[in-house]
Amino acid sequence: MGTNEVTRIVTDEEKREAKNFNIFDLPDVPTGLPPHLELQRTRVVCKKDSNIHPTAITFSGAYSSMGVDNSVRLENFSEDFKVDVISLTETDMVFDMIGVHAGIANAFRRILLAELPSMAIEKVYVANNTSVIQDEVLAHRLGLIPIAADPRLFEYLSENDQPNEKNTIVFKLHVKCLKGDPRRKVLTSELKWLPNGSELIKESGGSTTTPKTYTSFNHSQDSFPEFAENPITPTLKDILIAKLGPGQEIELEAHAVKGIGKTHAKWSPVATAWYRMLPEVVLLKEFEGKHAEELVKVCPKKVFDIEDMGQGEVKAFPSFLQMSLLAFE
């Protein structure tokens, strides 16, 4: 007995559907992560003995079997990332970074410490030093003095460059404690900016040539509009450089250049940069009425607030503002 074979031709539309088939599009297949995995992916949970889930899961395909893309995409990052400035002064800045993992926050911290340029004293030419501080120690102390100058207005000085008005700031220090006078403190307020460059003679070119100094300024820095009304000075005027006894003297020039903290800590524009995880308080049950008021009163950090529910009913809830401030105390 014979059999008949039937050959079915697959249409182009069926091929496209098969190519674009995704099992997670089926209505009976659950999508997204279970609550415990979502908690592990997005939170660090504080327990009595230690924190759990402190390490980020960075592999992009870690949850691909559940239809969740764990990769970092620029468009998603720009939409979710947010910066809220909590406080800002001349010396301190506190801000919240929302929508990033601790690893990204730590990257910002390391950039602040090592990658942002600033101006710092790199070379010290000592003409006279009869103080008890050795020349090397004195130069080291001068290098750590913060300079109030915008590094964006200056260029980097390479080994083959000549110090000029675009890459070098020159300070002069000449102090003396006269005999019979009490011991004298030398402060950063006595560092004098030389907008025309170095005044120390490097070479004696004879009577027919102009003496050479340690810089080659073509223009005075105070002729630039950025410095005409804002002369370059140390950031703080009361930093102690040295102490002089009667008859002792210091005369030197200090040359500041542009650099980054990765090269030397003196170019780090921040004294310290640190971060803390933004706390999230979750109430395991609702506190209403007098229990809500008692909860608000007993919390020493004041992270709870009262919400009026109407008809004389109140309920306690965590205050995001107070938790944000708590993170930086």
Protein backbone atom coordinates (compact mmCIF):
# COMPACT_ATOMS: atom_id res chain seq x y z
CA MET A 1 0.00 0.00 0.00
CA GLY A 2 1.50 3.34 -1.03
CA THR A 3 1.75 6.62 0.96
CA ASN A 4 1.40 10.19 -0.18
CA GLU A 5 3.95 12.77 1.03
CA VAL A 6 2.86 16.40 1.31
CA THR A 7 5.54 19.12 1.23
CA ARG A 8 4.59 22.43 2.87
CA ILE A 9 6.28 25.62 1.71
CA VAL A 10 7.24 28.04 4.52
CA THR A 11 6.22 31.57 3.66
CA ASP A 12 8.46 34.64 4.09
CA GLU A 13 6.15 35.96 6.82
CA GLU A 14 6.56 32.75 8.84
CA LYS A 15 10.34 33.01 8.46
CA ARG A 16 10.30 36.54 9.83
CA GLU A 17 8.14 35.50 12.77
CA ALA A 18 10.48 32.61 13.58
CA LYS A 19 13.50 34.89 13.38
CA ASN A 20 11.97 37.46 15.71
CA PHE A 21 10.50 34.92 18.09
CA ASN A 22 11.10 35.64 21.77
CA ILE A 23 9.88 33.23 24.40
CA PHE A 24 9.26 36.10 26.82
CA ASP A 25 6.58 37.48 24.48
CA LEU A 26 4.32 34.55 25.34
CA PRO A 27 1.56 35.58 27.76
CA ASP A 28 2.10 32.70 30.20
CA VAL A 29 5.88 33.23 30.62
CA PRO A 30 6.76 35.47 33.61
CA THR A 31 9.10 38.38 32.92
CA GLY A 32 11.36 40.38 35.19
CA LEU A 33 13.36 39.30 38.20
CA PRO A 34 11.91 37.73 41.32
CA PRO A 35 11.80 40.19 44.25
CA HIS A 36 14.80 38.66 46.03
CA LEU A 37 16.99 38.93 42.90
CA GLU A 38 15.84 42.48 42.18
CA LEU A 39 16.77 43.38 45.76
CA GLN A 40 20.19 41.79 45.31
CA ARG A 41 20.76 43.66 42.03
CA THR A 42 19.75 47.14 43.20
CA ARG A 43 20.31 47.31 46.98
CA VAL A 44 22.89 46.73 49.71
CA VAL A 45 20.99 45.38 52.71
CA CYS A 46 22.22 46.21 56.22
CA LYS A 47 22.06 43.28 58.62
CA LYS A 48 23.00 43.13 62.30
CA ASP A 49 26.29 41.34 61.66
CA SER A 50 27.27 42.68 58.22
CA ASN A 51 26.00 44.08 54.94
CA ILE A 52 24.90 41.74 52.17
CA HIS A 53 25.09 42.21 48.39
CA PRO A 54 27.82 44.91 48.57
CA THR A 55 29.36 43.83 45.25
CA ALA A 56 27.71 44.84 41.98
CA ILE A 57 26.86 42.20 39.38
CA THR A 58 28.40 43.81 36.28
CA PHE A 59 28.01 40.97 33.75
CA SER A 60 25.50 42.17 31.17
CA GLY A 61 24.04 38.69 30.62
CA ALA A 62 23.68 37.73 34.27
CA TYR A 63 19.86 37.76 34.06
CA SER A 64 19.38 37.18 30.33
CA SER A 65 17.61 33.89 30.95
CA MET A 66 14.88 35.88 32.72
CA GLY A 67 14.60 38.52 30.02
CA VAL A 68 16.41 41.25 32.00
CA ASP A 69 19.20 43.24 30.33
CA ASN A 70 21.86 44.02 32.93
CA SER A 71 24.14 45.98 30.59
CA VAL A 72 24.92 49.67 31.10
CA ARG A 73 23.68 51.73 28.19
CA LEU A 74 24.49 55.40 27.74
CA GLU A 75 20.93 56.42 26.92
CA ASN A 76 19.56 54.65 30.00
CA PHE A 77 22.33 56.04 32.19
CA SER A 78 21.66 59.63 31.09
CA GLU A 79 17.93 59.23 31.82
CA ASP A 80 18.34 57.64 35.26
CA PHE A 81 21.38 59.54 36.54
CA LYS A 82 20.65 62.58 38.71
CA VAL A 83 22.78 64.88 40.86
CA ASP A 84 21.27 66.84 43.78
CA VAL A 85 23.55 69.40 45.44
CA ILE A 86 22.98 69.33 49.22
CA SER A 87 25.42 72.07 50.22
CA LEU A 88 28.07 74.17 48.49
CA THR A 89 30.68 76.48 50.03
CA GLU A 90 34.09 77.78 48.96
CA THR A 91 35.80 74.74 50.48
CA ASP A 92 33.16 71.96 50.64
CA MET A 93 30.55 70.40 48.39
CA VAL A 94 28.05 67.70 49.32
CA PHE A 95 25.86 66.13 46.65
CA ASP A 96 23.71 63.06 46.02
CA MET A 97 24.33 60.88 42.97
CA ILE A 98 21.10 59.04 42.24
CA GLY A 99 20.72 56.22 39.77
CA VAL A 100 24.28 54.84 39.86
CA HIS A 101 25.93 51.96 41.63
CA ALA A 102 28.61 52.43 44.27
CA GLY A 103 31.28 51.48 41.73
CA ILE A 104 30.39 54.48 39.56
CA ALA A 105 30.33 56.75 42.62
CA ASN A 106 33.79 55.49 43.55
CA ALA A 107 34.97 56.25 40.00
CA PHE A 108 33.84 59.86 40.44
CA ARG A 109 35.73 59.99 43.74
CA ARG A 110 38.94 58.75 42.16
CA ILE A 111 38.58 61.22 39.28
CA LEU A 112 38.30 64.07 41.77
CA LEU A 113 41.45 62.90 43.53
CA ALA A 114 43.67 62.04 40.58
CA GLU A 115 42.39 63.40 37.27
CA LEU A 116 41.35 67.03 37.81
CA PRO A 117 44.20 69.52 37.18
CA SER A 118 45.27 72.28 39.54
CA MET A 119 48.21 74.62 40.03
CA ALA A 120 50.96 73.77 42.54
CA ILE A 121 54.54 74.84 43.21
CA GLU A 122 56.90 72.49 41.36
CA LYS A 123 60.30 74.22 41.45
CA VAL A 124 61.87 76.28 44.22
CA TYR A 125 65.02 78.35 43.60
CA VAL A 126 66.62 79.15 46.95
CA ALA A 127 68.88 82.21 47.00
CA ASN A 128 69.40 82.26 50.75
CA ASN A 129 68.14 80.11 53.61
CA THR A 130 69.66 80.45 57.06
CA SER A 131 66.62 79.05 58.90
CA VAL A 132 66.61 75.70 60.70
CA ILE A 133 64.46 74.17 57.93
CA GLN A 134 66.46 72.41 55.24
CA ASP A 135 65.97 73.51 51.63
CA GLU A 136 64.32 70.18 50.69
CA VAL A 137 61.80 70.34 53.54
CA LEU A 138 61.04 73.97 52.79
CA ALA A 139 60.42 73.15 49.12
CA HIS A 140 58.14 70.28 50.11
CA ARG A 141 56.07 72.55 52.36
CA LEU A 142 55.75 75.15 49.61
CA GLY A 143 54.57 72.50 47.14
CA LEU A 144 51.59 71.62 49.34
CA ILE A 145 50.28 75.21 49.51
CA PRO A 146 47.01 75.48 47.50
CA ILE A 147 47.10 78.18 44.81
CA ALA A 148 43.98 80.20 43.96
CA ALA A 149 44.33 80.07 40.17
CA ASP A 150 42.05 78.54 37.56
CA PRO A 151 44.08 75.75 35.86
CA ARG A 152 41.95 76.08 32.71
CA LEU A 153 43.73 79.37 32.01
CA PHE A 154 47.15 77.69 31.88
CA GLU A 155 48.88 75.10 29.74
CA TYR A 156 50.86 72.05 30.85
CA LEU A 157 54.63 72.55 31.04
CA SER A 158 56.54 69.69 29.41
CA GLU A 159 60.23 68.94 29.69
CA ASN A 160 60.94 70.64 26.35
CA ASP A 161 58.92 73.79 27.06
CA GLN A 162 60.29 77.08 28.27
CA PRO A 163 58.55 78.52 31.35
CA ASN A 164 56.41 81.42 30.17
CA GLU A 165 53.33 83.42 31.15
CA LYS A 166 51.01 80.67 29.80
CA ASN A 167 52.36 77.74 31.83
CA THR A 168 54.11 79.12 34.95
CA ILE A 169 53.19 81.21 37.99
CA VAL A 170 56.10 82.79 39.89
CA PHE A 171 56.04 83.70 43.59
CA LYS A 172 58.74 85.45 45.58
CA LEU A 173 59.43 84.99 49.26
CA HIS A 174 61.93 87.23 51.04
CA VAL A 175 61.61 87.46 54.83
CA LYS A 176 64.10 88.25 57.56
CA CYS A 177 64.08 88.26 61.33
CA LEU A 178 66.28 91.07 62.59
CA LYS A 179 68.66 90.52 65.46
CA GLY A 180 67.06 91.44 68.77
CA ASP A 181 63.53 90.77 67.45
CA PRO A 182 61.39 87.87 68.72
CA ARG A 183 60.94 84.74 66.64
CA ARG A 184 58.95 85.42 63.48
CA LYS A 185 56.33 83.30 61.75
CA VAL A 186 56.50 83.11 57.96
CA LEU A 187 52.99 82.76 56.53
CA THR A 188 51.66 82.24 53.01
CA SER A 189 50.49 85.86 52.98
CA GLU A 190 54.15 86.80 52.42
CA LEU A 191 54.33 84.94 49.10
CA LYS A 192 54.32 87.72 46.51
CA TRP A 193 53.12 87.08 42.97
CA LEU A 194 55.52 88.18 40.22
CA PRO A 195 53.34 88.75 37.13
CA ASN A 196 56.41 89.63 35.01
CA GLY A 197 58.14 86.33 35.77
CA SER A 198 61.34 85.40 37.52
CA GLU A 199 63.66 88.05 38.96
CA LEU A 200 66.53 85.72 39.85
CA ILE A 201 69.46 85.98 37.47
CA LYS A 202 70.19 82.64 35.84
CA GLU A 203 73.18 83.62 33.76
CA SER A 204 75.36 86.68 33.59
CA GLY A 205 75.45 87.58 29.94
CA GLY A 206 77.96 90.36 30.37
CA SER A 207 77.46 94.09 29.98
CA THR A 208 76.29 93.85 26.37
CA THR A 209 73.44 91.33 26.80
CA THR A 210 70.32 91.22 28.94
CA PRO A 211 70.70 88.93 31.97
CA LYS A 212 68.68 85.72 31.68
CA THR A 213 66.24 84.61 34.35
CA TYR A 214 64.48 81.29 34.98
CA THR A 215 61.41 82.25 32.90
CA SER A 216 60.75 83.84 29.52
CA PHE A 217 57.65 86.00 29.89
CA ASN A 218 56.62 87.93 26.77
CA HIS A 219 53.69 89.61 28.50
CA SER A 220 52.88 90.45 32.09
CA GLN A 221 50.24 88.14 33.57
CA ASP A 222 48.43 91.03 35.24
CA SER A 223 47.70 92.40 31.75
CA PHE A 224 45.37 89.46 31.15
CA PRO A 225 41.72 90.30 31.90
CA GLU A 226 41.36 87.17 34.07
CA PHE A 227 44.02 88.46 36.51
CA ALA A 228 43.61 92.22 36.20
CA GLU A 229 41.15 92.38 39.09
CA ASN A 230 41.92 88.98 40.67
CA PRO A 231 45.65 88.71 41.40
CA ILE A 232 47.01 85.21 41.92
CA THR A 233 47.56 84.38 45.59
CA PRO A 234 47.68 81.32 47.85
CA THR A 235 44.17 80.10 48.66
CA LEU A 236 44.73 80.59 52.41
CA LYS A 237 46.85 83.43 53.77
CA ASP A 238 47.56 82.01 57.24
CA ILE A 239 49.37 78.74 56.46
CA LEU A 240 52.61 78.50 58.41
CA ILE A 241 55.67 78.00 56.18
CA ALA A 242 58.51 78.41 58.66
CA LYS A 243 59.66 80.13 61.85
CA LEU A 244 62.69 82.41 61.86
CA GLY A 245 64.93 83.19 64.79
CA PRO A 246 66.87 86.44 65.20
CA GLY A 247 69.29 86.95 62.32
CA GLN A 248 67.75 84.24 60.11
CA GLU A 249 66.55 84.88 56.54
CA ILE A 250 64.78 83.14 53.65
CA GLU A 251 64.95 84.36 50.07
CA LEU A 252 63.60 82.24 47.25
CA GLU A 253 61.41 81.98 44.16
CA ALA A 254 58.66 79.37 43.81
CA HIS A 255 57.38 78.39 40.36
CA ALA A 256 53.91 76.83 40.14
CA VAL A 257 52.80 74.76 37.13
CA LYS A 258 49.76 72.77 36.07
CA GLY A 259 49.45 69.10 36.99
CA ILE A 260 47.15 66.30 38.20
CA GLY A 261 46.98 64.28 41.40
CA LYS A 262 48.01 61.09 39.60
CA THR A 263 51.48 62.62 39.18
CA HIS A 264 51.78 63.98 42.74
CA ALA A 265 49.36 64.53 45.60
CA LYS A 266 50.15 68.26 45.69
CA TRP A 267 48.13 68.65 42.47
CA SER A 268 45.07 66.94 43.93
CA PRO A 269 42.41 69.70 44.05
CA VAL A 270 40.56 68.13 46.99
CA ALA A 271 41.85 67.42 50.48
CA THR A 272 39.69 64.30 50.56
CA ALA A 273 36.79 62.88 48.61
CA TRP A 274 34.55 60.15 50.02
CA TYR A 275 31.10 58.69 49.53
CA ARG A 276 28.49 56.83 51.51
CA MET A 277 25.55 54.75 50.38
CA LEU A 278 22.29 56.68 50.42
CA PRO A 279 20.16 54.95 53.09
CA GLU A 280 16.69 53.66 52.34
CA VAL A 281 14.53 52.91 55.37
CA VAL A 282 11.66 50.48 54.83
CA LEU A 283 8.99 50.05 57.51
CA LEU A 284 7.95 46.43 57.89
CA LYS A 285 4.55 47.53 59.21
CA GLU A 286 2.50 50.70 59.34
CA PHE A 287 2.70 53.01 62.35
CA GLU A 288 -0.45 55.03 62.89
CA GLY A 289 -1.84 57.32 65.55
CA LYS A 290 0.15 57.65 68.75
CA HIS A 291 2.55 54.89 67.64
CA ALA A 292 3.54 57.04 64.64
CA GLU A 293 4.20 60.04 66.89
CA GLU A 294 6.25 57.91 69.30
CA LEU A 295 8.34 56.56 66.39
CA VAL A 296 9.15 60.07 65.18
CA LYS A 297 10.18 61.17 68.68
CA VAL A 298 12.41 58.21 69.56
CA CYS A 299 14.43 58.24 66.31
CA PRO A 300 17.68 60.16 67.10
CA LYS A 301 18.40 60.98 63.44
CA LYS A 302 14.87 62.26 62.71
CA VAL A 303 14.47 60.19 59.55
CA PHE A 304 10.69 59.75 60.00
CA ASP A 305 7.92 62.23 59.45
CA ILE A 306 4.17 62.39 60.06
CA GLU A 307 1.63 62.25 57.24
CA ASP A 308 -1.90 63.50 57.84
CA MET A 309 -4.34 60.87 56.56
CA GLY A 310 -7.44 62.97 57.26
CA GLN A 311 -10.17 62.63 59.90
CA GLY A 312 -7.55 63.01 62.63
CA GLU A 313 -5.54 59.98 61.54
CA VAL A 314 -1.75 60.23 61.09
CA LYS A 315 0.83 57.78 59.77
CA ALA A 316 4.64 57.65 59.98
CA PHE A 317 6.75 57.45 56.83
CA PRO A 318 10.50 57.70 56.07
CA SER A 319 11.63 61.17 55.01
CA PHE A 320 13.88 61.07 51.92
CA LEU A 321 15.39 64.49 52.71
CA GLN A 322 16.41 63.46 56.20
CA MET A 323 17.90 60.19 54.95
CA SER A 324 19.88 62.14 52.36
CA LEU A 325 21.32 64.40 55.05
CA LEU A 326 22.00 61.37 57.24
CA ALA A 327 24.21 59.88 54.53
CA PHE A 328 26.65 62.77 54.81
CA GLU A 329 26.81 63.33 58.58
